[in-house]
N, C-alpha and C. Protein backbone atom coordinates (compact mmCIF):
# COMPACT_ATOMS: atom_id res chain seq x y z
N MET A 1 -108.20 -40.17 19.52
CA MET A 1 -108.93 -40.14 20.81
C MET A 1 -109.49 -38.63 20.58
N ASN A 2 -110.63 -38.41 20.96
CA ASN A 2 -111.38 -37.07 20.86
C ASN A 2 -111.66 -36.62 22.43
N ILE A 3 -110.97 -35.60 22.65
CA ILE A 3 -110.62 -34.83 23.81
C ILE A 3 -111.04 -33.39 23.78
N PRO A 4 -112.40 -33.09 23.87
CA PRO A 4 -112.64 -31.58 23.52
C PRO A 4 -111.92 -30.50 24.11
N PHE A 5 -111.70 -30.52 25.44
CA PHE A 5 -111.18 -29.65 25.98
C PHE A 5 -109.71 -29.32 25.49
N LEU A 6 -109.06 -30.30 25.08
CA LEU A 6 -107.60 -30.25 24.47
C LEU A 6 -107.62 -29.64 22.97
N ASP A 7 -108.70 -30.09 22.16
CA ASP A 7 -109.11 -29.18 20.95
C ASP A 7 -108.98 -27.67 21.33
N SER A 8 -109.88 -27.35 22.27
CA SER A 8 -110.08 -25.89 22.64
C SER A 8 -108.79 -25.24 23.08
N TRP A 9 -108.09 -26.08 23.89
CA TRP A 9 -106.55 -25.46 24.28
C TRP A 9 -105.69 -25.30 22.96
N ARG A 10 -105.77 -26.21 22.04
CA ARG A 10 -104.71 -26.13 20.84
C ARG A 10 -105.12 -24.88 20.19
N LYS A 11 -106.27 -24.81 20.01
CA LYS A 11 -106.72 -23.64 19.20
C LYS A 11 -106.27 -22.37 19.64
N ARG A 12 -106.37 -22.16 21.38
CA ARG A 12 -105.93 -21.00 21.79
C ARG A 12 -104.34 -20.68 21.82
N HIS A 13 -103.73 -21.69 21.64
CA HIS A 13 -102.19 -21.74 21.75
C HIS A 13 -101.36 -22.08 20.52
N GLU A 14 -102.24 -22.22 19.48
CA GLU A 14 -101.58 -22.27 18.11
C GLU A 14 -101.11 -21.00 17.63
N PRO A 15 -100.00 -20.94 16.95
CA PRO A 15 -99.57 -19.57 16.42
C PRO A 15 -100.69 -19.14 15.27
N GLU A 16 -100.91 -17.77 15.17
CA GLU A 16 -101.97 -17.47 14.25
C GLU A 16 -101.27 -17.32 12.91
N SER A 17 -99.90 -17.32 12.69
CA SER A 17 -99.36 -17.31 11.37
C SER A 17 -98.15 -18.02 11.46
N THR A 18 -97.78 -18.55 10.36
CA THR A 18 -96.46 -19.47 10.24
C THR A 18 -95.43 -18.56 9.65
N ASP A 19 -95.90 -17.25 9.24
CA ASP A 19 -94.73 -16.52 8.56
C ASP A 19 -93.76 -16.07 10.02
N ALA A 20 -92.64 -15.71 9.75
CA ALA A 20 -91.81 -14.99 10.56
C ALA A 20 -92.25 -13.53 10.71
N PRO A 21 -92.03 -12.86 11.95
CA PRO A 21 -92.35 -11.40 11.99
C PRO A 21 -91.62 -10.41 10.94
N LEU A 22 -90.41 -10.70 10.58
CA LEU A 22 -89.76 -10.11 9.56
C LEU A 22 -90.35 -10.33 8.10
N ALA A 23 -91.03 -11.57 7.82
CA ALA A 23 -91.70 -11.71 6.50
C ALA A 23 -92.79 -10.90 6.42
N GLU A 24 -93.65 -10.94 7.67
CA GLU A 24 -94.78 -10.19 7.64
C GLU A 24 -94.64 -8.58 7.47
N ALA A 25 -93.31 -8.33 8.33
CA ALA A 25 -93.18 -6.88 8.11
C ALA A 25 -92.84 -6.35 6.62
N PHE A 26 -91.94 -7.30 6.20
CA PHE A 26 -91.64 -7.05 4.65
C PHE A 26 -92.90 -7.12 3.93
N ASP A 27 -93.86 -8.00 4.03
CA ASP A 27 -95.14 -7.83 3.06
C ASP A 27 -95.72 -6.53 3.21
N GLY A 28 -95.68 -5.81 4.45
CA GLY A 28 -96.42 -4.61 4.67
C GLY A 28 -95.51 -3.51 4.41
N ASP A 29 -94.46 -3.53 4.44
CA ASP A 29 -93.34 -2.26 4.34
C ASP A 29 -92.13 -2.73 3.74
N PRO A 30 -91.99 -3.23 2.66
CA PRO A 30 -90.57 -3.51 1.92
C PRO A 30 -89.52 -2.34 2.04
N GLU A 31 -90.00 -1.22 1.94
CA GLU A 31 -88.97 -0.12 1.76
C GLU A 31 -88.31 0.08 3.42
N GLY A 32 -89.31 -0.10 4.25
CA GLY A 32 -88.82 0.10 5.72
C GLY A 32 -87.90 -1.05 6.22
N VAL A 33 -88.38 -2.22 5.64
CA VAL A 33 -87.61 -3.37 6.27
C VAL A 33 -86.17 -3.29 5.67
N ALA A 34 -86.23 -2.87 4.26
CA ALA A 34 -84.82 -2.71 3.56
C ALA A 34 -83.97 -1.47 4.19
N GLU A 35 -84.62 -0.75 4.80
CA GLU A 35 -83.84 0.28 5.45
C GLU A 35 -83.24 -0.35 6.83
N LEU A 36 -84.21 -0.98 7.58
CA LEU A 36 -83.65 -1.84 8.64
C LEU A 36 -82.64 -2.76 8.40
N LEU A 37 -82.61 -3.52 7.40
CA LEU A 37 -81.71 -4.33 7.11
C LEU A 37 -80.18 -3.65 6.89
N SER A 38 -80.49 -2.64 6.40
CA SER A 38 -79.13 -1.72 5.98
C SER A 38 -78.43 -1.03 7.02
N GLU A 39 -79.04 -1.26 8.24
CA GLU A 39 -78.26 -0.35 9.45
C GLU A 39 -77.11 -1.01 9.63
N CYS A 40 -76.89 -2.52 9.95
CA CYS A 40 -75.59 -3.13 10.11
C CYS A 40 -74.88 -2.48 11.29
N GLU A 41 -75.38 -2.04 12.44
CA GLU A 41 -74.75 -1.32 13.45
C GLU A 41 -73.39 -1.86 13.91
N LEU A 42 -73.33 -3.09 14.17
CA LEU A 42 -72.09 -3.57 14.79
C LEU A 42 -71.05 -3.59 13.88
N LEU A 43 -71.20 -3.92 12.45
CA LEU A 43 -70.26 -3.86 11.54
C LEU A 43 -69.77 -2.49 11.27
N ARG A 44 -70.71 -1.59 11.10
CA ARG A 44 -70.57 -0.17 10.76
C ARG A 44 -69.63 0.57 11.86
N SER A 45 -69.91 0.17 13.25
CA SER A 45 -68.98 0.89 14.32
C SER A 45 -67.70 0.04 14.38
N ARG A 46 -67.42 -1.12 14.17
CA ARG A 46 -66.34 -1.82 14.16
C ARG A 46 -65.30 -1.27 13.12
N VAL A 47 -65.78 -1.23 12.02
CA VAL A 47 -64.91 -0.80 11.06
C VAL A 47 -64.63 0.53 10.90
N ALA A 48 -65.46 1.46 11.44
CA ALA A 48 -65.19 2.85 11.59
C ALA A 48 -64.04 3.19 12.62
N GLU A 49 -63.89 2.13 13.65
CA GLU A 49 -62.74 2.35 14.43
C GLU A 49 -61.60 2.22 13.62
N ARG A 50 -61.52 1.38 12.54
CA ARG A 50 -60.36 1.15 11.90
C ARG A 50 -60.25 1.94 10.63
N GLY A 51 -61.04 3.09 10.51
CA GLY A 51 -61.02 4.06 9.43
C GLY A 51 -61.81 3.89 8.32
N VAL A 52 -62.58 2.66 8.34
CA VAL A 52 -63.36 2.49 6.97
C VAL A 52 -64.66 2.87 7.11
N GLU A 53 -65.15 3.79 6.02
CA GLU A 53 -66.42 4.22 6.11
C GLU A 53 -67.44 3.43 5.04
N LEU A 54 -68.40 2.92 5.54
CA LEU A 54 -69.23 1.90 4.65
C LEU A 54 -70.15 3.01 4.14
N ASP A 55 -69.90 3.35 2.89
CA ASP A 55 -70.92 4.21 2.09
C ASP A 55 -71.81 3.42 0.99
N ASP A 56 -72.10 2.27 1.21
CA ASP A 56 -72.96 1.27 0.44
C ASP A 56 -72.69 1.41 -0.94
N THR A 57 -71.29 1.45 -1.13
CA THR A 57 -70.50 1.29 -2.60
C THR A 57 -69.77 0.09 -2.69
N PRO A 58 -69.67 -0.50 -3.95
CA PRO A 58 -68.77 -1.75 -4.11
C PRO A 58 -67.44 -1.40 -3.58
N ARG A 59 -66.89 -0.29 -3.70
CA ARG A 59 -65.45 -0.14 -3.06
C ARG A 59 -65.34 -0.33 -1.61
N SER A 60 -66.34 0.11 -0.96
CA SER A 60 -66.33 -0.15 0.51
C SER A 60 -66.40 -1.57 0.73
N LEU A 61 -66.90 -2.54 0.02
CA LEU A 61 -66.76 -4.07 0.10
C LEU A 61 -65.21 -4.53 0.07
N GLN A 62 -64.55 -3.93 -1.03
CA GLN A 62 -63.09 -4.09 -1.25
C GLN A 62 -62.42 -3.87 0.10
N GLU A 63 -62.81 -2.71 0.48
CA GLU A 63 -62.26 -2.22 1.65
C GLU A 63 -62.28 -3.06 2.92
N LEU A 64 -63.43 -3.84 3.12
CA LEU A 64 -63.79 -4.50 4.18
C LEU A 64 -62.84 -6.02 4.03
N ASP A 65 -62.91 -6.36 2.64
CA ASP A 65 -61.98 -7.52 2.34
C ASP A 65 -60.49 -7.39 2.88
N GLN A 66 -60.09 -6.23 2.77
CA GLN A 66 -58.75 -5.89 3.25
C GLN A 66 -58.44 -5.75 4.83
N LEU A 67 -59.46 -5.69 5.67
CA LEU A 67 -59.14 -5.58 7.01
C LEU A 67 -58.72 -6.75 7.56
N PRO A 68 -57.86 -6.60 8.56
CA PRO A 68 -57.32 -7.80 9.17
C PRO A 68 -58.47 -8.29 10.01
N PRO A 69 -58.70 -9.65 10.16
CA PRO A 69 -59.77 -10.40 10.62
C PRO A 69 -60.00 -10.32 12.30
N ARG A 70 -59.65 -9.05 12.94
CA ARG A 70 -59.69 -9.14 14.22
C ARG A 70 -60.93 -9.62 14.84
N TRP A 71 -62.13 -9.60 14.28
CA TRP A 71 -63.47 -9.96 14.73
C TRP A 71 -63.46 -11.40 15.15
N ARG A 72 -62.41 -12.26 14.63
CA ARG A 72 -62.56 -13.71 14.82
C ARG A 72 -61.71 -13.85 16.34
N ASN A 73 -61.27 -12.88 16.85
CA ASN A 73 -60.81 -13.01 18.23
C ASN A 73 -61.81 -13.06 19.28
N ASP A 74 -63.18 -12.54 18.76
CA ASP A 74 -64.37 -12.74 19.87
C ASP A 74 -65.33 -13.59 19.46
N PRO A 75 -65.43 -14.90 19.81
CA PRO A 75 -66.32 -15.73 19.16
C PRO A 75 -67.81 -15.41 19.34
N GLU A 76 -68.06 -14.51 20.66
CA GLU A 76 -69.40 -14.30 20.72
C GLU A 76 -69.87 -13.19 19.87
N GLU A 77 -68.93 -12.43 19.55
CA GLU A 77 -69.36 -11.34 18.52
C GLU A 77 -69.21 -11.62 17.06
N LEU A 78 -68.47 -12.87 16.70
CA LEU A 78 -68.40 -13.19 15.43
C LEU A 78 -69.58 -13.56 14.60
N PRO A 79 -70.67 -14.39 15.09
CA PRO A 79 -71.63 -14.39 14.22
C PRO A 79 -72.45 -13.12 14.13
N TRP A 80 -72.61 -12.27 15.02
CA TRP A 80 -73.16 -11.08 14.79
C TRP A 80 -72.49 -10.31 13.61
N PHE A 81 -71.21 -10.20 13.82
CA PHE A 81 -70.62 -9.36 12.79
C PHE A 81 -70.73 -9.89 11.43
N GLY A 82 -70.70 -11.26 11.38
CA GLY A 82 -70.90 -11.92 10.01
C GLY A 82 -72.26 -11.81 9.70
N ASN A 83 -73.15 -11.77 10.46
CA ASN A 83 -74.59 -11.40 9.89
C ASN A 83 -74.78 -10.00 9.28
N ASP A 84 -74.26 -9.17 10.14
CA ASP A 84 -74.02 -7.55 9.73
C ASP A 84 -73.21 -7.50 8.24
N ALA A 85 -72.20 -8.41 8.03
CA ALA A 85 -71.59 -8.13 6.76
C ALA A 85 -72.50 -8.71 5.88
N GLY A 86 -73.00 -9.76 6.21
CA GLY A 86 -74.13 -10.27 4.97
C GLY A 86 -75.14 -9.26 4.46
N LEU A 87 -75.77 -8.63 5.50
CA LEU A 87 -76.89 -7.73 5.42
C LEU A 87 -76.05 -6.48 4.73
N TYR A 88 -74.95 -6.02 5.12
CA TYR A 88 -74.29 -4.99 4.34
C TYR A 88 -73.97 -5.43 2.79
N LEU A 89 -73.55 -6.47 2.58
CA LEU A 89 -73.32 -6.95 1.29
C LEU A 89 -74.73 -6.81 0.34
N GLY A 90 -75.85 -7.47 1.19
CA GLY A 90 -77.03 -7.41 0.39
C GLY A 90 -77.40 -5.83 0.18
N THR A 91 -77.14 -5.03 1.09
CA THR A 91 -77.63 -3.51 0.77
C THR A 91 -76.91 -2.79 -0.48
N VAL A 92 -75.41 -3.19 -0.39
CA VAL A 92 -74.68 -2.80 -1.78
C VAL A 92 -75.22 -3.40 -2.67
N ILE A 93 -75.76 -4.44 -3.02
CA ILE A 93 -76.03 -5.25 -4.11
C ILE A 93 -77.37 -4.64 -4.53
N VAL A 94 -78.38 -4.56 -3.45
CA VAL A 94 -79.56 -3.73 -3.76
C VAL A 94 -79.51 -2.45 -4.32
N ARG A 95 -78.51 -1.56 -3.70
CA ARG A 95 -78.49 -0.27 -4.14
C ARG A 95 -77.52 -0.17 -5.35
N ASN A 96 -76.99 -1.21 -5.74
CA ASN A 96 -76.11 -0.82 -6.90
C ASN A 96 -76.22 -1.59 -8.08
N VAL A 97 -76.99 -2.82 -7.95
CA VAL A 97 -77.22 -3.62 -9.07
C VAL A 97 -78.72 -3.56 -9.62
N PRO A 98 -78.78 -3.20 -10.83
CA PRO A 98 -80.15 -2.83 -11.43
C PRO A 98 -81.15 -4.20 -11.31
N GLY A 99 -82.32 -3.91 -10.68
CA GLY A 99 -83.29 -5.02 -10.59
C GLY A 99 -83.01 -5.82 -9.18
N ALA A 100 -82.09 -5.65 -8.62
CA ALA A 100 -81.69 -6.49 -7.33
C ALA A 100 -82.82 -5.69 -6.08
N ARG A 101 -83.37 -6.78 -5.54
CA ARG A 101 -84.24 -6.36 -4.39
C ARG A 101 -84.05 -7.29 -3.32
N TRP A 102 -84.61 -6.97 -2.17
CA TRP A 102 -84.59 -7.95 -1.20
C TRP A 102 -85.81 -8.74 -1.30
N GLN A 103 -85.52 -10.05 -0.60
CA GLN A 103 -86.79 -10.85 -0.42
C GLN A 103 -86.70 -11.55 0.98
N VAL A 104 -87.60 -11.69 1.71
CA VAL A 104 -87.74 -12.19 3.01
C VAL A 104 -88.42 -13.61 2.66
N TRP A 105 -87.68 -14.80 2.88
CA TRP A 105 -88.32 -16.07 2.86
C TRP A 105 -89.47 -16.10 4.04
N PRO A 106 -90.56 -16.98 3.76
CA PRO A 106 -91.33 -17.21 4.82
C PRO A 106 -90.90 -17.36 6.30
N GLY A 107 -89.66 -18.19 6.32
CA GLY A 107 -89.10 -18.68 7.62
C GLY A 107 -88.37 -17.41 8.19
N GLY A 108 -88.42 -16.24 7.61
CA GLY A 108 -87.63 -15.02 8.10
C GLY A 108 -86.23 -14.70 7.33
N GLY A 109 -85.87 -15.58 6.61
CA GLY A 109 -84.33 -15.27 6.15
C GLY A 109 -84.39 -14.22 5.13
N PRO A 110 -83.61 -13.16 5.19
CA PRO A 110 -83.53 -12.29 4.13
C PRO A 110 -82.57 -12.86 3.00
N VAL A 111 -82.94 -12.61 1.66
CA VAL A 111 -82.10 -12.81 0.63
C VAL A 111 -82.09 -11.73 -0.40
N VAL A 112 -81.16 -11.53 -1.43
CA VAL A 112 -81.36 -10.68 -2.40
C VAL A 112 -81.77 -11.47 -3.45
N ARG A 113 -82.85 -10.99 -4.35
CA ARG A 113 -83.24 -11.67 -5.46
C ARG A 113 -82.68 -10.51 -6.64
N LEU A 114 -81.93 -11.36 -7.60
CA LEU A 114 -81.42 -10.44 -8.78
C LEU A 114 -82.59 -10.33 -9.72
N ALA A 115 -82.58 -9.57 -11.00
CA ALA A 115 -83.38 -9.42 -11.96
C ALA A 115 -83.70 -10.78 -12.74
N SER A 116 -82.56 -11.55 -12.64
CA SER A 116 -82.46 -12.76 -13.37
C SER A 116 -83.57 -13.94 -12.64
N GLY A 117 -83.81 -13.46 -11.36
CA GLY A 117 -84.42 -14.44 -10.60
C GLY A 117 -83.70 -15.24 -9.69
N ARG A 118 -82.27 -15.21 -9.81
CA ARG A 118 -81.36 -15.79 -9.01
C ARG A 118 -81.43 -15.26 -7.43
N GLU A 119 -81.22 -16.21 -6.39
CA GLU A 119 -81.17 -15.62 -5.24
C GLU A 119 -79.84 -15.79 -4.45
N ILE A 120 -79.45 -14.71 -3.92
CA ILE A 120 -78.08 -14.76 -3.20
C ILE A 120 -78.48 -14.71 -1.58
N GLN A 121 -77.92 -15.83 -1.02
CA GLN A 121 -77.94 -16.02 0.55
C GLN A 121 -76.76 -15.02 1.10
N VAL A 122 -77.05 -13.79 1.12
CA VAL A 122 -76.07 -12.78 1.58
C VAL A 122 -75.73 -12.90 2.96
N VAL A 123 -76.57 -13.43 3.96
CA VAL A 123 -76.39 -13.39 5.27
C VAL A 123 -75.31 -14.74 5.44
N GLU A 124 -75.63 -15.72 4.82
CA GLU A 124 -74.74 -16.96 4.72
C GLU A 124 -73.18 -16.65 4.24
N ALA A 125 -73.25 -15.89 3.00
CA ALA A 125 -72.11 -15.24 2.57
C ALA A 125 -71.19 -14.41 3.55
N GLY A 126 -71.84 -13.64 4.37
CA GLY A 126 -71.32 -12.95 5.33
C GLY A 126 -70.76 -13.64 6.43
N LEU A 127 -71.36 -14.42 6.86
CA LEU A 127 -71.02 -15.56 8.02
C LEU A 127 -69.71 -16.22 7.46
N ASP A 128 -69.84 -16.72 6.25
CA ASP A 128 -68.76 -17.48 5.74
C ASP A 128 -67.32 -16.55 6.00
N TRP A 129 -67.53 -15.38 5.11
CA TRP A 129 -66.53 -14.37 5.06
C TRP A 129 -65.98 -13.98 6.39
N ALA A 130 -66.97 -13.72 7.37
CA ALA A 130 -66.43 -13.37 8.63
C ALA A 130 -65.64 -14.54 9.45
N MET A 131 -65.92 -15.66 9.15
CA MET A 131 -65.49 -16.74 9.76
C MET A 131 -63.91 -17.48 9.00
N THR A 132 -64.07 -17.29 7.59
CA THR A 132 -62.84 -17.92 7.06
C THR A 132 -62.14 -16.99 6.12
N GLY A 133 -62.97 -15.71 5.64
CA GLY A 133 -62.35 -14.86 4.85
C GLY A 133 -62.87 -15.06 3.24
N ALA A 134 -63.52 -16.31 3.06
CA ALA A 134 -63.98 -16.45 1.72
C ALA A 134 -65.57 -16.89 1.69
N PRO A 135 -66.06 -16.56 0.61
CA PRO A 135 -65.72 -15.84 -0.39
C PRO A 135 -65.75 -14.30 0.06
N GLN A 136 -64.71 -13.65 -0.79
CA GLN A 136 -64.62 -12.21 -0.47
C GLN A 136 -66.21 -11.46 -0.64
N LEU A 137 -66.28 -10.59 0.03
CA LEU A 137 -67.51 -9.92 -0.21
C LEU A 137 -67.45 -9.10 -1.57
N SER A 138 -66.57 -8.58 -1.96
CA SER A 138 -66.37 -7.91 -3.30
C SER A 138 -66.57 -8.89 -4.34
N GLN A 139 -66.03 -10.15 -4.26
CA GLN A 139 -66.40 -11.30 -5.20
C GLN A 139 -67.66 -11.64 -5.40
N VAL A 140 -68.48 -11.61 -4.25
CA VAL A 140 -69.74 -12.08 -4.41
C VAL A 140 -70.57 -10.88 -5.01
N TYR A 141 -70.31 -9.47 -4.49
CA TYR A 141 -70.91 -8.55 -5.27
C TYR A 141 -70.66 -8.56 -6.99
N ALA A 142 -69.38 -8.92 -7.17
CA ALA A 142 -69.01 -8.77 -8.69
C ALA A 142 -69.83 -10.07 -9.25
N GLU A 143 -70.02 -11.05 -8.76
CA GLU A 143 -70.88 -12.09 -9.41
C GLU A 143 -72.16 -11.77 -9.52
N ALA A 144 -72.78 -11.01 -8.67
CA ALA A 144 -74.12 -10.61 -8.77
C ALA A 144 -74.23 -9.29 -9.77
N SER A 145 -73.37 -8.61 -10.01
CA SER A 145 -73.39 -7.58 -10.98
C SER A 145 -73.33 -8.01 -12.30
N GLU A 146 -72.97 -9.41 -12.61
CA GLU A 146 -73.05 -9.85 -13.91
C GLU A 146 -74.25 -10.40 -14.34
N TYR A 147 -75.07 -10.70 -13.37
CA TYR A 147 -76.30 -11.27 -14.09
C TYR A 147 -77.31 -10.17 -14.30
């Protein structure tokens, strides 16, 4: 069925791009987006309350793994905490594993791409860690550093 005014309406209301805003920003300023991804404010503030300083080193991942999982007591905060844990894991990998870099999928999901081409879904790993304790963040880092 040909309805000319409907075609005009669709053209005005269709999104201009199928990329997510993060993917578009990453294409324009990868270092700026990497800096944004490394902020992890919720995670940094919660673990600082427990005396853990996140200094973007593999040692700090081991310290995170040793914390009692009190964040699981707050179901509203848990996914945000896990998301930040994954972004922090990615930050540590990117800053310490040669050739590792952030990659943002067109749908907007950040992953870490190793020099070998392997992609690590760090946000998913962080969420799993926050909810169940496995895999440990330091273990994911150790596996990434082997490639």
